[in-house]
Amino acid sequence: MAEENKQETREDQVGAARPEEPERVEETVKAGTAEGPAPEAGADRPGKAEKPKKAEKAEKAEKAGKPKKAKKGDKGDKAKKAEKHEESPPMPPGYVPRMLKRFHDEAAPALQKRFGYKNIHRIPKLSKIVVNMGVGEGMKESKLLDAAVEDLATITGQRPTITKARKSVASFKVRKGMSLGCKVTMRGMRMYEFFDRLVTSAIPRIRDFRGLSPDSFDGHGNYTFGIKEQIVFPEIDYDKVAKIMGMDITIATTCQTDEEALELLRGLGMPFRTS
């Protein structure tokens, strides 16, 4: 009997508690209708309300003459400097470099007569010119590497590529991927233009010049020589030079022997040493 009484008291308590819940819901609904409709999601965000203020500030800054902040897509100062030294504009239509004319008019017939080529396409010619500048001190001072890139771009009219170390060398304090210099590879019209300026303007300005060595061929018709000062090129302004730096110039040809390459370069005006 005691257990039945306990169960009846529990059911009475649960039944008495249940009707109180809808009263609370009704109170909350009434409170919401009295205050007004519920605000929409995102209506109270501060960003949307501040937009007109930002527009007003931008208009005031324009009127005052203040420069706008650079956006993510805008180019910075470094990109603008790089544009100055980008590749030179293309040659005008119908233009033929002077050295290319000399090759067709003088060097090619002389080579065909000397070596007896039966096919015109067998006559050797220039294939590319590679100019390389090593900047060992650029590991400590990045400004020297930037100066070398600017000088090489001014000399060749083409944007150089930065050369990096392929492996680490502890004795030279070089790590893999470290920037060590820059180089330019020229072909076509720009190659002949550079070769013309090299032979007629730069090489004669070398200090105590007595001719290039005819022994610097690699056995496959390619010739390499070095220049100690970049100021021999008339395009370089001596007052703006950060440091005197040298360069290596490699002239690659389609010759199969060094004798053919020597005659080809001589026919194009390269000043080789006679004795």
C-alpha atoms as a PDB file:
ATOM      1  CA  MET A   1       0.000   0.000   0.000  1.00  0.00           C
ATOM      2  CA  ALA A   2       2.872   2.364   0.786  1.00  0.00           C
ATOM      3  CA  GLU A   3       4.391   1.783  -2.684  1.00  0.00           C
ATOM      4  CA  GLU A   4       1.091   2.497  -4.435  1.00  0.00           C
ATOM      5  CA  ASN A   5       0.766   5.756  -2.501  1.00  0.00           C
ATOM      6  CA  LYS A   6       4.304   6.812  -3.559  1.00  0.00           C
ATOM      7  CA  GLN A   7       3.541   6.168  -7.275  1.00  0.00           C
ATOM      8  CA  GLU A   8       0.314   8.160  -7.044  1.00  0.00           C
ATOM      9  CA  THR A   9       2.136  11.134  -5.467  1.00  0.00           C
ATOM     10  CA  ARG A  10       4.823  11.041  -8.254  1.00  0.00           C
ATOM     11  CA  GLU A  11       2.173  11.002 -11.014  1.00  0.00           C
ATOM     12  CA  ASP A  12       0.407  13.909  -9.324  1.00  0.00           C
ATOM     13  CA  GLN A  13       3.688  15.892  -9.221  1.00  0.00           C
ATOM     14  CA  VAL A  14       4.452  15.204 -12.941  1.00  0.00           C
ATOM     15  CA  GLY A  15       0.902  16.070 -13.984  1.00  0.00           C
ATOM     16  CA  ALA A  16       1.064  19.290 -11.980  1.00  0.00           C
ATOM     17  CA  ALA A  17       4.404  20.336 -13.568  1.00  0.00           C
ATOM     18  CA  ARG A  18       3.306  19.757 -17.189  1.00  0.00           C
ATOM     19  CA  PRO A  19       0.710  22.533 -17.505  1.00  0.00           C
ATOM     20  CA  GLU A  20       3.281  25.125 -16.367  1.00  0.00           C
ATOM     21  CA  GLU A  21       5.407  24.725 -19.627  1.00  0.00           C
ATOM     22  CA  PRO A  22       2.859  26.147 -22.116  1.00  0.00           C
ATOM     23  CA  GLU A  23       2.399  29.133 -19.821  1.00  0.00           C
ATOM     24  CA  ARG A  24       6.119  29.939 -20.089  1.00  0.00           C
ATOM     25  CA  VAL A  25       6.024  29.585 -23.920  1.00  0.00           C
ATOM     26  CA  GLU A  26       3.020  31.901 -24.083  1.00  0.00           C
ATOM     27  CA  GLU A  27       4.857  34.470 -21.926  1.00  0.00           C
ATOM     28  CA  THR A  28       7.895  34.452 -24.224  1.00  0.00           C
ATOM     29  CA  VAL A  29       5.743  34.790 -27.350  1.00  0.00           C
ATOM     30  CA  LYS A  30       3.864  37.705 -25.814  1.00  0.00           C
ATOM     31  CA  ALA A  31       7.145  39.385 -24.839  1.00  0.00           C
ATOM     32  CA  GLY A  32       8.457  39.007 -28.413  1.00  0.00           C
ATOM     33  CA  THR A  33       5.312  40.497 -29.975  1.00  0.00           C
ATOM     34  CA  ALA A  34       5.369  43.372 -27.542  1.00  0.00           C
ATOM     35  CA  GLU A  35       9.001  44.277 -28.324  1.00  0.00           C
ATOM     36  CA  GLY A  36       8.551  43.889 -32.112  1.00  0.00           C
ATOM     37  CA  PRO A  37       9.584  41.369 -34.791  1.00  0.00           C
ATOM     38  CA  ALA A  38      12.822  39.430 -34.287  1.00  0.00           C
ATOM     39  CA  PRO A  39      15.821  40.974 -36.088  1.00  0.00           C
ATOM     40  CA  GLU A  40      17.018  39.272 -39.272  1.00  0.00           C
ATOM     41  CA  ALA A  41      20.273  37.327 -39.303  1.00  0.00           C
ATOM     42  CA  GLY A  42      23.240  39.565 -40.018  1.00  0.00           C
ATOM     43  CA  ALA A  43      21.291  42.834 -39.689  1.00  0.00           C
ATOM     44  CA  ASP A  44      23.306  44.062 -36.687  1.00  0.00           C
ATOM     45  CA  ARG A  45      26.741  43.352 -38.231  1.00  0.00           C
ATOM     46  CA  PRO A  46      29.046  46.373 -37.928  1.00  0.00           C
ATOM     47  CA  GLY A  47      30.677  45.837 -41.336  1.00  0.00           C
ATOM     48  CA  LYS A  48      27.551  46.642 -43.382  1.00  0.00           C
ATOM     49  CA  ALA A  49      26.834  49.780 -41.434  1.00  0.00           C
ATOM     50  CA  GLU A  50      30.434  51.028 -41.818  1.00  0.00           C
ATOM     51  CA  LYS A  51      30.491  50.759 -45.627  1.00  0.00           C
ATOM     52  CA  PRO A  52      29.116  54.224 -46.340  1.00  0.00           C
ATOM     53  CA  LYS A  53      31.583  55.686 -43.826  1.00  0.00           C
ATOM     54  CA  LYS A  54      34.492  54.086 -45.704  1.00  0.00           C
ATOM     55  CA  ALA A  55      33.194  55.460 -49.009  1.00  0.00           C
ATOM     56  CA  GLU A  56      32.990  58.957 -47.478  1.00  0.00           C
ATOM     57  CA  LYS A  57      36.562  58.661 -46.183  1.00  0.00           C
ATOM     58  CA  ALA A  58      37.807  57.577 -49.634  1.00  0.00           C
ATOM     59  CA  GLU A  59      36.093  60.571 -51.268  1.00  0.00           C
ATOM     60  CA  LYS A  60      37.620  62.949 -48.722  1.00  0.00           C
ATOM     61  CA  ALA A  61      41.077  61.450 -49.322  1.00  0.00           C
ATOM     62  CA  GLU A  62      40.701  61.914 -53.090  1.00  0.00           C
ATOM     63  CA  LYS A  63      39.693  65.534 -52.651  1.00  0.00           C
ATOM     64  CA  ALA A  64      42.629  66.154 -50.302  1.00  0.00           C
ATOM     65  CA  GLY A  65      45.014  64.573 -52.835  1.00  0.00           C
ATOM     66  CA  LYS A  66      46.138  61.680 -50.662  1.00  0.00           C
ATOM     67  CA  PRO A  67      47.352  58.570 -52.535  1.00  0.00           C
ATOM     68  CA  LYS A  68      45.273  55.426 -52.267  1.00  0.00           C
ATOM     69  CA  LYS A  69      46.566  52.351 -50.542  1.00  0.00           C
ATOM     70  CA  ALA A  70      48.000  49.742 -52.909  1.00  0.00           C
ATOM     71  CA  LYS A  71      45.726  46.780 -53.432  1.00  0.00           C
ATOM     72  CA  LYS A  72      46.863  43.179 -53.556  1.00  0.00           C
ATOM     73  CA  GLY A  73      46.704  43.139 -57.341  1.00  0.00           C
ATOM     74  CA  ASP A  74      48.676  46.407 -57.754  1.00  0.00           C
ATOM     75  CA  LYS A  75      52.334  46.229 -58.747  1.00  0.00           C
ATOM     76  CA  GLY A  76      54.879  47.388 -56.214  1.00  0.00           C
ATOM     77  CA  ASP A  77      58.109  49.346 -56.685  1.00  0.00           C
ATOM     78  CA  LYS A  78      60.147  46.207 -57.385  1.00  0.00           C
ATOM     79  CA  ALA A  79      57.821  45.139 -60.172  1.00  0.00           C
ATOM     80  CA  LYS A  80      58.009  48.616 -61.710  1.00  0.00           C
ATOM     81  CA  LYS A  81      61.819  48.497 -61.610  1.00  0.00           C
ATOM     82  CA  ALA A  82      61.767  45.101 -63.262  1.00  0.00           C
ATOM     83  CA  GLU A  83      59.615  46.483 -66.078  1.00  0.00           C
ATOM     84  CA  LYS A  84      62.320  49.021 -66.900  1.00  0.00           C
ATOM     85  CA  HIS A  85      64.790  46.221 -67.682  1.00  0.00           C
ATOM     86  CA  GLU A  86      62.458  43.894 -69.478  1.00  0.00           C
ATOM     87  CA  GLU A  87      63.236  42.702 -72.968  1.00  0.00           C
ATOM     88  CA  SER A  88      63.719  45.461 -75.528  1.00  0.00           C
ATOM     89  CA  PRO A  89      60.923  46.015 -78.072  1.00  0.00           C
ATOM     90  CA  PRO A  90      60.933  43.729 -81.127  1.00  0.00           C
ATOM     91  CA  MET A  91      62.783  44.693 -84.282  1.00  0.00           C
ATOM     92  CA  PRO A  92      60.779  46.592 -86.926  1.00  0.00           C
ATOM     93  CA  PRO A  93      59.469  44.479 -89.814  1.00  0.00           C
ATOM     94  CA  GLY A  94      61.954  44.002 -92.631  1.00  0.00           C
ATOM     95  CA  TYR A  95      64.942  44.991 -90.451  1.00  0.00           C
ATOM     96  CA  VAL A  96      68.150  42.954 -90.901  1.00  0.00           C
ATOM     97  CA  PRO A  97      71.089  43.453 -88.507  1.00  0.00           C
ATOM     98  CA  ARG A  98      74.323  44.695 -90.041  1.00  0.00           C
ATOM     99  CA  MET A  99      76.293  41.666 -88.838  1.00  0.00           C
ATOM    100  CA  LEU A 100      73.787  39.275 -90.388  1.00  0.00           C
ATOM    101  CA  LYS A 101      74.184  41.050 -93.728  1.00  0.00           C
ATOM    102  CA  ARG A 102      77.942  40.732 -93.396  1.00  0.00           C
ATOM    103  CA  PHE A 103      77.589  37.009 -92.750  1.00  0.00           C
ATOM    104  CA  HIS A 104      75.507  36.442 -95.883  1.00  0.00           C
ATOM    105  CA  ASP A 105      77.581  38.758 -98.103  1.00  0.00           C
ATOM    106  CA  GLU A 106      81.157  38.080 -96.947  1.00  0.00           C
ATOM    107  CA  ALA A 107      81.623  35.330 -94.343  1.00  0.00           C
ATOM    108  CA  ALA A 108      79.400  32.610 -95.874  1.00  0.00           C
ATOM    109  CA  PRO A 109      80.906  32.771 -99.405  1.00  0.00           C
ATOM    110  CA  ALA A 110      84.432  32.806 -97.974  1.00  0.00           C
ATOM    111  CA  LEU A 111      83.731  29.733 -95.810  1.00  0.00           C
ATOM    112  CA  GLN A 112      82.142  27.863 -98.711  1.00  0.00           C
ATOM    113  CA  LYS A 113      85.169  28.591-100.881  1.00  0.00           C
ATOM    114  CA  ARG A 114      87.698  27.706 -98.164  1.00  0.00           C
ATOM    115  CA  PHE A 115      86.192  24.373 -97.012  1.00  0.00           C
ATOM    116  CA  GLY A 116      84.360  23.416-100.223  1.00  0.00           C
ATOM    117  CA  TYR A 117      80.822  23.021 -98.895  1.00  0.00           C
ATOM    118  CA  LYS A 118      78.558  21.655-101.623  1.00  0.00           C
ATOM    119  CA  ASN A 119      75.347  22.419 -99.738  1.00  0.00           C
ATOM    120  CA  ILE A 120      74.570  25.979 -98.619  1.00  0.00           C
ATOM    121  CA  HIS A 121      72.962  24.701 -95.385  1.00  0.00           C
ATOM    122  CA  ARG A 122      76.269  23.071 -94.461  1.00  0.00           C
ATOM    123  CA  ILE A 123      77.886  26.502 -93.967  1.00  0.00           C
ATOM    124  CA  PRO A 124      78.423  27.102 -90.220  1.00  0.00           C
ATOM    125  CA  LYS A 125      76.821  30.055 -88.439  1.00  0.00           C
ATOM    126  CA  LEU A 126      76.221  31.497 -84.970  1.00  0.00           C
ATOM    127  CA  SER A 127      73.628  29.659 -82.892  1.00  0.00           C
ATOM    128  CA  LYS A 128      73.588  31.594 -79.569  1.00  0.00           C
ATOM    129  CA  ILE A 129      75.588  33.867 -77.272  1.00  0.00           C
ATOM    130  CA  VAL A 130      75.601  33.371 -73.490  1.00  0.00           C
ATOM    131  CA  VAL A 131      76.758  36.152 -71.136  1.00  0.00           C
ATOM    132  CA  ASN A 132      77.375  35.123 -67.528  1.00  0.00           C
ATOM    133  CA  MET A 133      78.214  37.331 -64.549  1.00  0.00           C
ATOM    134  CA  GLY A 134      79.292  35.716 -61.279  1.00  0.00           C
ATOM    135  CA  VAL A 135      78.676  37.730 -58.116  1.00  0.00           C
ATOM    136  CA  GLY A 136      80.300  35.865 -55.255  1.00  0.00           C
ATOM    137  CA  GLU A 137      79.911  38.801 -52.876  1.00  0.00           C
ATOM    138  CA  GLY A 138      76.205  38.836 -53.603  1.00  0.00           C
ATOM    139  CA  MET A 139      75.799  36.181 -50.908  1.00  0.00           C
ATOM    140  CA  LYS A 140      76.514  38.864 -48.288  1.00  0.00           C
ATOM    141  CA  GLU A 141      75.139  41.927 -50.076  1.00  0.00           C
ATOM    142  CA  SER A 142      72.007  41.449 -52.148  1.00  0.00           C
ATOM    143  CA  LYS A 143      72.411  44.949 -53.613  1.00  0.00           C
ATOM    144  CA  LEU A 144      75.428  43.818 -55.636  1.00  0.00           C
ATOM    145  CA  LEU A 145      73.393  41.061 -57.257  1.00  0.00           C
ATOM    146  CA  ASP A 146      70.631  43.532 -58.114  1.00  0.00           C
ATOM    147  CA  ALA A 147      73.221  45.893 -59.603  1.00  0.00           C
ATOM    148  CA  ALA A 148      74.671  43.074 -61.715  1.00  0.00           C
ATOM    149  CA  VAL A 149      71.209  42.185 -63.010  1.00  0.00           C
ATOM    150  CA  GLU A 150      70.543  45.809 -63.977  1.00  0.00           C
ATOM    151  CA  ASP A 151      73.923  46.182 -65.725  1.00  0.00           C
ATOM    152  CA  LEU A 152      73.521  42.944 -67.665  1.00  0.00           C
ATOM    153  CA  ALA A 153      69.988  43.887 -68.707  1.00  0.00           C
ATOM    154  CA  THR A 154      71.271  47.268 -69.936  1.00  0.00           C
ATOM    155  CA  ILE A 155      74.099  45.655 -71.913  1.00  0.00           C
ATOM    156  CA  THR A 156      72.127  42.899 -73.599  1.00  0.00           C
ATOM    157  CA  GLY A 157      68.618  44.386 -73.779  1.00  0.00           C
ATOM    158  CA  GLN A 158      67.184  41.218 -72.238  1.00  0.00           C
ATOM    159  CA  ARG A 159      66.126  40.386 -68.699  1.00  0.00           C
ATOM    160  CA  PRO A 160      68.751  38.078 -67.064  1.00  0.00           C
ATOM    161  CA  THR A 161      68.010  34.920 -65.133  1.00  0.00           C
ATOM    162  CA  ILE A 162      69.537  34.485 -61.673  1.00  0.00           C
ATOM    163  CA  THR A 163      71.839  31.476 -61.363  1.00  0.00           C
ATOM    164  CA  LYS A 164      71.753  29.456 -58.132  1.00  0.00           C
ATOM    165  CA  ALA A 165      74.049  26.892 -56.544  1.00  0.00           C
ATOM    166  CA  ARG A 166      73.265  23.281 -57.476  1.00  0.00           C
ATOM    167  CA  LYS A 167      74.868  21.817 -54.368  1.00  0.00           C
ATOM    168  CA  SER A 168      76.349  22.942 -51.062  1.00  0.00           C
ATOM    169  CA  VAL A 169      80.105  23.513 -50.740  1.00  0.00           C
ATOM    170  CA  ALA A 170      81.280  24.022 -47.161  1.00  0.00           C
ATOM    171  CA  SER A 171      84.756  25.345 -48.071  1.00  0.00           C
ATOM    172  CA  PHE A 172      83.221  28.213 -50.069  1.00  0.00           C
ATOM    173  CA  LYS A 173      80.353  28.757 -47.595  1.00  0.00           C
ATOM    174  CA  VAL A 174      77.846  28.046 -50.354  1.00  0.00           C
ATOM    175  CA  ARG A 175      74.501  26.363 -49.756  1.00  0.00           C
ATOM    176  CA  LYS A 176      72.254  24.710 -52.266  1.00  0.00           C
ATOM    177  CA  GLY A 177      69.833  27.162 -53.876  1.00  0.00           C
ATOM    178  CA  MET A 178      71.890  30.259 -52.987  1.00  0.00           C
ATOM    179  CA  SER A 179      71.962  33.016 -55.654  1.00  0.00           C
ATOM    180  CA  LEU A 180      75.455  33.363 -57.121  1.00  0.00           C
ATOM    181  CA  GLY A 181      75.071  35.397 -60.305  1.00  0.00           C
ATOM    182  CA  CYS A 182      73.027  36.005 -63.440  1.00  0.00           C
ATOM    183  CA  LYS A 183      73.166  35.111 -67.118  1.00  0.00           C
ATOM    184  CA  VAL A 184      71.519  35.905 -70.454  1.00  0.00           C
ATOM    185  CA  THR A 185      71.109  33.669 -73.516  1.00  0.00           C
ATOM    186  CA  MET A 186      70.560  35.503 -76.806  1.00  0.00           C
ATOM    187  CA  ARG A 187      69.470  34.123 -80.159  1.00  0.00           C
ATOM    188  CA  GLY A 188      68.280  35.482 -83.484  1.00  0.00           C
ATOM    189  CA  MET A 189      68.287  39.201 -84.246  1.00  0.00           C
ATOM    190  CA  ARG A 190      69.244  40.266 -80.715  1.00  0.00           C
ATOM    191  CA  MET A 191      72.272  37.939 -80.841  1.00  0.00           C
ATOM    192  CA  TYR A 192      73.618  39.588 -84.011  1.00  0.00           C
ATOM    193  CA  GLU A 193      72.975  43.060 -82.622  1.00  0.00           C
ATOM    194  CA  PHE A 194      74.903  42.252 -79.444  1.00  0.00           C
ATOM    195  CA  PHE A 195      77.747  40.662 -81.437  1.00  0.00           C
ATOM    196  CA  ASP A 196      77.999  43.806 -83.565  1.00  0.00           C
ATOM    197  CA  ARG A 197      78.261  46.065 -80.506  1.00  0.00           C
ATOM    198  CA  LEU A 198      80.707  43.673 -78.875  1.00  0.00           C
ATOM    199  CA  VAL A 199      83.108  43.628 -81.834  1.00  0.00           C
ATOM    200  CA  THR A 200      82.908  47.259 -82.889  1.00  0.00           C
ATOM    201  CA  SER A 201      82.476  49.101 -79.538  1.00  0.00           C
ATOM    202  CA  ALA A 202      83.231  47.011 -76.436  1.00  0.00           C
ATOM    203  CA  ILE A 203      86.317  44.933 -77.275  1.00  0.00           C
ATOM    204  CA  PRO A 204      88.359  47.886 -78.640  1.00  0.00           C
ATOM    205  CA  ARG A 205      87.781  49.705 -75.312  1.00  0.00           C
ATOM    206  CA  ILE A 206      89.438  46.954 -73.253  1.00  0.00           C
ATOM    207  CA  ARG A 207      92.498  48.254 -71.414  1.00  0.00           C
ATOM    208  CA  ASP A 208      95.835  47.179 -72.990  1.00  0.00           C
ATOM    209  CA  PHE A 209      94.039  45.095 -75.576  1.00  0.00           C
ATOM    210  CA  ARG A 210      96.316  43.174 -77.968  1.00  0.00           C
ATOM    211  CA  GLY A 211      93.857  40.756 -79.512  1.00  0.00           C
ATOM    212  CA  LEU A 212      91.861  37.730 -78.379  1.00  0.00           C
ATOM    213  CA  SER A 213      93.550  34.385 -77.914  1.00  0.00           C
ATOM    214  CA  PRO A 214      92.805  31.887 -80.732  1.00  0.00           C
ATOM    215  CA  ASP A 215      93.337  28.989 -78.295  1.00  0.00           C
ATOM    216  CA  SER A 216      90.130  29.417 -76.262  1.00  0.00           C
ATOM    217  CA  PHE A 217      87.936  27.088 -78.342  1.00  0.00           C
ATOM    218  CA  ASP A 218      86.430  24.043 -76.641  1.00  0.00           C
ATOM    219  CA  GLY A 219      87.024  21.558 -79.495  1.00  0.00           C
ATOM    220  CA  HIS A 220      83.432  21.699 -80.777  1.00  0.00           C
ATOM    221  CA  GLY A 221      83.453  25.116 -82.405  1.00  0.00           C
ATOM    222  CA  ASN A 222      82.439  27.195 -79.345  1.00  0.00           C
ATOM    223  CA  TYR A 223      84.540  30.155 -78.183  1.00  0.00           C
ATOM    224  CA  THR A 224      84.675  31.592 -74.639  1.00  0.00           C
ATOM    225  CA  PHE A 225      86.520  34.645 -73.352  1.00  0.00           C
ATOM    226  CA  GLY A 226      86.310  36.923 -70.334  1.00  0.00           C
ATOM    227  CA  ILE A 227      85.947  40.660 -69.786  1.00  0.00           C
ATOM    228  CA  LYS A 228      87.195  42.116 -66.508  1.00  0.00           C
ATOM    229  CA  GLU A 229      85.154  45.340 -66.500  1.00  0.00           C
ATOM    230  CA  GLN A 230      81.573  45.878 -67.552  1.00  0.00           C
ATOM    231  CA  ILE A 231      82.272  49.570 -68.207  1.00  0.00           C
ATOM    232  CA  VAL A 232      83.813  48.726 -71.606  1.00  0.00           C
ATOM    233  CA  PHE A 233      80.239  48.684 -72.941  1.00  0.00           C
ATOM    234  CA  PRO A 234      79.157  52.227 -73.815  1.00  0.00           C
ATOM    235  CA  GLU A 235      75.633  51.563 -72.471  1.00  0.00           C
ATOM    236  CA  ILE A 236      76.947  51.532 -68.887  1.00  0.00           C
ATOM    237  CA  ASP A 237      77.145  54.854 -67.046  1.00  0.00           C
ATOM    238  CA  TYR A 238      80.351  54.855 -64.995  1.00  0.00           C
ATOM    239  CA  ASP A 239      78.881  57.178 -62.337  1.00  0.00           C
ATOM    240  CA  LYS A 240      76.040  54.737 -61.598  1.00  0.00           C
ATOM    241  CA  VAL A 241      78.180  51.596 -61.307  1.00  0.00           C
ATOM    242  CA  ALA A 242      78.004  50.020 -57.837  1.00  0.00           C
ATOM    243  CA  LYS A 243      81.118  47.895 -58.335  1.00  0.00           C
ATOM    244  CA  ILE A 244      83.403  46.882 -61.191  1.00  0.00           C
ATOM    245  CA  MET A 245      82.489  43.326 -62.188  1.00  0.00           C
ATOM    246  CA  GLY A 246      83.563  41.049 -65.014  1.00  0.00           C
ATOM    247  CA  MET A 247      81.711  38.582 -67.203  1.00  0.00           C
ATOM    248  CA  ASP A 248      82.219  35.499 -69.345  1.00  0.00           C
ATOM    249  CA  ILE A 249      80.969  35.497 -72.939  1.00  0.00           C
ATOM    250  CA  THR A 250      80.420  32.223 -74.813  1.00  0.00           C
ATOM    251  CA  ILE A 251      79.791  32.249 -78.565  1.00  0.00           C
ATOM    252  CA  ALA A 252      78.226  28.978 -79.687  1.00  0.00           C
ATOM    253  CA  THR A 253      78.351  28.036 -83.381  1.00  0.00           C
ATOM    254  CA  THR A 254      77.243  25.130 -85.582  1.00  0.00           C
ATOM    255  CA  CYS A 255      80.863  24.376 -86.564  1.00  0.00           C
ATOM    256  CA  GLN A 256      82.180  20.850 -86.115  1.00  0.00           C
ATOM    257  CA  THR A 257      85.842  21.862 -85.765  1.00  0.00           C
ATOM    258  CA  ASP A 258      87.721  24.742 -84.157  1.00  0.00           C
ATOM    259  CA  GLU A 259      89.299  25.676 -87.483  1.00  0.00           C
ATOM    260  CA  GLU A 260      85.899  26.343 -89.027  1.00  0.00           C
ATOM    261  CA  ALA A 261      84.821  28.383 -85.988  1.00  0.00           C
ATOM    262  CA  LEU A 262      88.023  30.458 -86.114  1.00  0.00           C
ATOM    263  CA  GLU A 263      87.463  31.332 -89.781  1.00  0.00           C
ATOM    264  CA  LEU A 264      83.789  32.114 -89.130  1.00  0.00           C
ATOM    265  CA  LEU A 265      84.521  34.544 -86.289  1.00  0.00           C
ATOM    266  CA  ARG A 266      87.371  36.142 -88.203  1.00  0.00           C
ATOM    267  CA  GLY A 267      85.038  36.676 -91.143  1.00  0.00           C
ATOM    268  CA  LEU A 268      82.607  38.440 -88.781  1.00  0.00           C
ATOM    269  CA  GLY A 269      85.328  40.787 -87.471  1.00  0.00           C
ATOM    270  CA  MET A 270      86.532  39.185 -84.236  1.00  0.00           C
ATOM    271  CA  PRO A 271      90.032  40.645 -83.487  1.00  0.00           C
ATOM    272  CA  PHE A 272      92.159  37.542 -82.847  1.00  0.00           C
ATOM    273  CA  ARG A 273      95.842  37.685 -81.964  1.00  0.00           C
ATOM    274  CA  THR A 274      98.025  36.919 -84.964  1.00  0.00           C
ATOM    275  CA  SER A 275     101.202  35.839 -83.190  1.00  0.00           C
END
